[in-house]
Amino acid sequence: MKLKRIITGFFCIALTVFACYAQAQVKKKTAVKKTPAATVTKPAPPPFATASEIEDGKALIAKSDCLACHKLEDKLVGPAYIAIATKYPQDQNTVNLLTQKIVNGGNGVWGTVPMAPHPAITPEDASKMIKYILTLNTKSPAVNSK
C-alpha cells in the first residue's frame, strides 16, 4: 500500500511538472509570435519659410535702406546676402538672432564696421527679410509653400 502511495505521489508530481513545463512553452511561443508593429512615420518638420514670406522679405529689402550697405553677391559695406546665407543655417534660431541684429544693430561678426540699428523695422518684417536672405543658399534649400 505504501508503494502504491509513493508511485501515485510521484506520478502526481511528474504530471504537475510536465503541465507547468508545457504551459511555459506555450507562453514562450506566444511571446515570440508577436505581430510586427506598424511603421511609425515622423511628422514633417514645420516649413522654414513660406513662399509668401520669402516674397514679402524680398520686397521689404527693396523698400528699405539695406541695399545701401549690402548687395546680393558682392561685399559692400556689409556682407553680401549670399555670404550671410552660406554662413548661417536655415532655422528659427538663426532667424531670431539675425532679426535682433537688424532691429538693434550689431558688430564684430563680419569685421569692425558695425551694423546700424533699424528700430523702424518691426521684428516681423525683419524675420521675413532674414528668411528671404537665408533661402539664397541653394546648397540647403528649406523652402516650403503653404
Protein backbone atom coordinates (compact mmCIF):
# COMPACT_ATOMS: atom_id res chain seq x y z
CA MET A 1 0.00 0.00 0.00
CA LYS A 2 2.86 2.29 0.86
CA LEU A 3 4.43 1.64 -2.52
CA LYS A 4 1.16 2.48 -4.25
CA ARG A 5 1.04 5.84 -2.42
CA ILE A 6 4.65 6.61 -3.37
CA ILE A 7 4.02 5.78 -7.02
CA THR A 8 0.80 7.83 -7.03
CA GLY A 9 2.59 10.76 -5.37
CA PHE A 10 5.47 10.52 -7.83
CA PHE A 11 3.01 10.38 -10.73
CA CYS A 12 1.17 13.49 -9.42
CA ILE A 13 4.43 15.40 -9.06
CA ALA A 14 5.57 14.36 -12.55
CA LEU A 15 2.23 15.37 -14.03
CA THR A 16 2.36 18.77 -12.30
CA VAL A 17 5.94 19.41 -13.53
CA PHE A 18 5.00 18.40 -17.08
CA ALA A 19 1.92 20.64 -17.03
CA CYS A 20 3.96 23.63 -15.83
CA TYR A 21 6.65 22.94 -18.44
CA ALA A 22 4.06 22.66 -21.23
CA GLN A 23 2.36 25.89 -20.15
CA ALA A 24 5.71 27.71 -20.08
CA GLN A 25 6.46 26.50 -23.61
CA VAL A 26 3.07 27.77 -24.87
CA LYS A 27 3.71 31.20 -23.31
CA LYS A 28 7.20 31.30 -24.82
CA LYS A 29 5.89 30.51 -28.33
CA THR A 30 3.11 33.07 -27.94
CA ALA A 31 5.59 35.74 -26.91
CA VAL A 32 7.74 35.03 -29.96
CA LYS A 33 4.80 35.23 -32.37
CA LYS A 34 4.21 38.95 -31.88
CA THR A 35 2.94 40.75 -34.91
CA PRO A 36 5.26 43.42 -36.24
CA ALA A 37 4.48 46.93 -35.05
CA ALA A 38 3.05 49.34 -37.55
CA THR A 39 5.66 51.60 -39.13
CA VAL A 40 5.65 54.95 -37.40
CA THR A 41 6.27 57.87 -39.70
CA LYS A 42 7.70 61.03 -38.26
CA PRO A 43 5.68 64.15 -38.89
CA ALA A 44 7.20 66.52 -41.40
CA PRO A 45 9.14 69.36 -39.85
CA PRO A 46 7.43 72.71 -39.95
CA PRO A 47 8.33 74.76 -43.00
CA PHE A 48 11.27 77.09 -42.62
CA ALA A 49 9.69 79.78 -44.76
CA THR A 50 6.63 80.01 -46.94
CA ALA A 51 6.79 81.33 -50.48
CA SER A 52 4.76 84.32 -49.29
CA GLU A 53 7.25 85.13 -46.51
CA ILE A 54 10.13 84.93 -48.95
CA GLU A 55 8.47 87.24 -51.46
CA ASP A 56 7.50 89.67 -48.69
CA GLY A 57 11.09 89.65 -47.39
CA LYS A 58 12.49 90.40 -50.82
CA ALA A 59 10.05 93.29 -51.28
CA LEU A 60 10.79 94.67 -47.80
CA ILE A 61 14.53 94.70 -48.53
CA ALA A 62 13.93 96.52 -51.82
CA LYS A 63 11.94 99.24 -49.99
CA SER A 64 14.41 99.61 -47.10
CA ASP A 65 17.87 101.16 -46.81
CA CYS A 66 19.52 97.69 -46.64
CA LEU A 67 20.87 97.97 -50.17
CA ALA A 68 22.97 100.97 -49.13
CA CYS A 69 25.30 98.56 -47.28
CA HIS A 70 24.52 95.10 -48.71
CA LYS A 71 24.41 93.56 -52.18
CA LEU A 72 23.20 90.17 -53.30
CA GLU A 73 26.56 88.67 -54.33
CA ASP A 74 29.24 91.25 -53.51
CA LYS A 75 30.52 92.71 -50.25
CA LEU A 76 29.81 96.42 -49.98
CA VAL A 77 29.99 97.97 -46.51
CA GLY A 78 28.39 94.86 -45.04
CA PRO A 79 28.49 91.24 -46.21
CA ALA A 80 26.75 90.01 -49.34
CA TYR A 81 23.39 88.31 -48.80
CA ILE A 82 24.79 85.13 -50.35
CA ALA A 83 27.64 85.13 -47.77
CA ILE A 84 25.12 85.52 -44.94
CA ALA A 85 23.01 82.68 -46.33
CA THR A 86 26.07 80.44 -46.56
CA LYS A 87 27.29 81.24 -43.05
CA TYR A 88 24.04 80.61 -41.15
CA PRO A 89 21.73 77.56 -41.06
CA GLN A 90 18.12 77.82 -42.15
CA ASP A 91 16.43 77.54 -38.78
CA GLN A 92 14.33 79.60 -36.40
CA ASN A 93 17.23 80.25 -34.02
CA THR A 94 19.13 81.97 -36.82
CA VAL A 95 16.06 83.98 -37.79
CA ASN A 96 15.66 85.15 -34.17
CA LEU A 97 19.35 86.05 -33.84
CA LEU A 98 19.58 87.99 -37.09
CA THR A 99 16.21 89.69 -36.54
CA GLN A 100 17.61 91.15 -33.32
CA LYS A 101 20.74 92.30 -35.16
CA ILE A 102 18.64 94.13 -37.77
CA VAL A 103 16.46 95.85 -35.18
CA ASN A 104 19.14 96.56 -32.53
CA GLY A 105 22.31 96.70 -34.64
CA GLY A 106 25.40 94.61 -34.17
CA ASN A 107 29.13 94.30 -34.79
CA GLY A 108 32.14 92.01 -34.73
CA VAL A 109 30.84 89.13 -36.83
CA TRP A 110 31.81 90.43 -40.27
CA GLY A 111 34.61 92.81 -39.33
CA THR A 112 34.98 96.08 -37.49
CA VAL A 113 32.25 98.09 -39.19
CA PRO A 114 29.12 97.95 -37.00
CA MET A 115 25.65 97.44 -38.41
CA ALA A 116 23.42 100.36 -37.57
CA PRO A 117 20.19 99.63 -35.68
CA HIS A 118 16.91 99.80 -37.57
CA PRO A 119 14.26 100.38 -34.90
CA ALA A 120 11.68 101.36 -37.53
CA ILE A 121 11.73 97.80 -38.94
CA THR A 122 9.39 95.55 -36.99
CA PRO A 123 10.66 92.16 -35.83
CA GLU A 124 8.03 90.51 -38.07
CA ASP A 125 9.33 92.34 -41.15
CA ALA A 126 12.95 91.68 -40.18
CA SER A 127 12.11 88.00 -39.81
CA LYS A 128 10.73 87.88 -43.35
CA MET A 129 13.83 89.66 -44.66
CA ILE A 130 16.08 87.13 -42.92
CA LYS A 131 14.07 84.19 -44.24
CA TYR A 132 14.46 85.54 -47.77
CA ILE A 133 18.22 86.01 -47.30
CA LEU A 134 18.74 82.54 -45.82
CA THR A 135 16.91 80.88 -48.70
CA LEU A 136 19.51 82.28 -51.09
CA ASN A 137 21.77 79.41 -50.04
CA THR A 138 20.97 76.87 -52.74
CA LYS A 139 23.04 74.17 -51.02
CA SER A 140 20.48 73.72 -48.25
CA PRO A 141 17.05 74.71 -49.57
CA ALA A 142 14.28 74.52 -46.99
CA VAL A 143 11.50 76.42 -48.69
CA ASN A 144 8.01 75.05 -48.30
CA SER A 145 4.95 76.79 -49.64
CA LYS A 146 1.58 76.71 -47.95
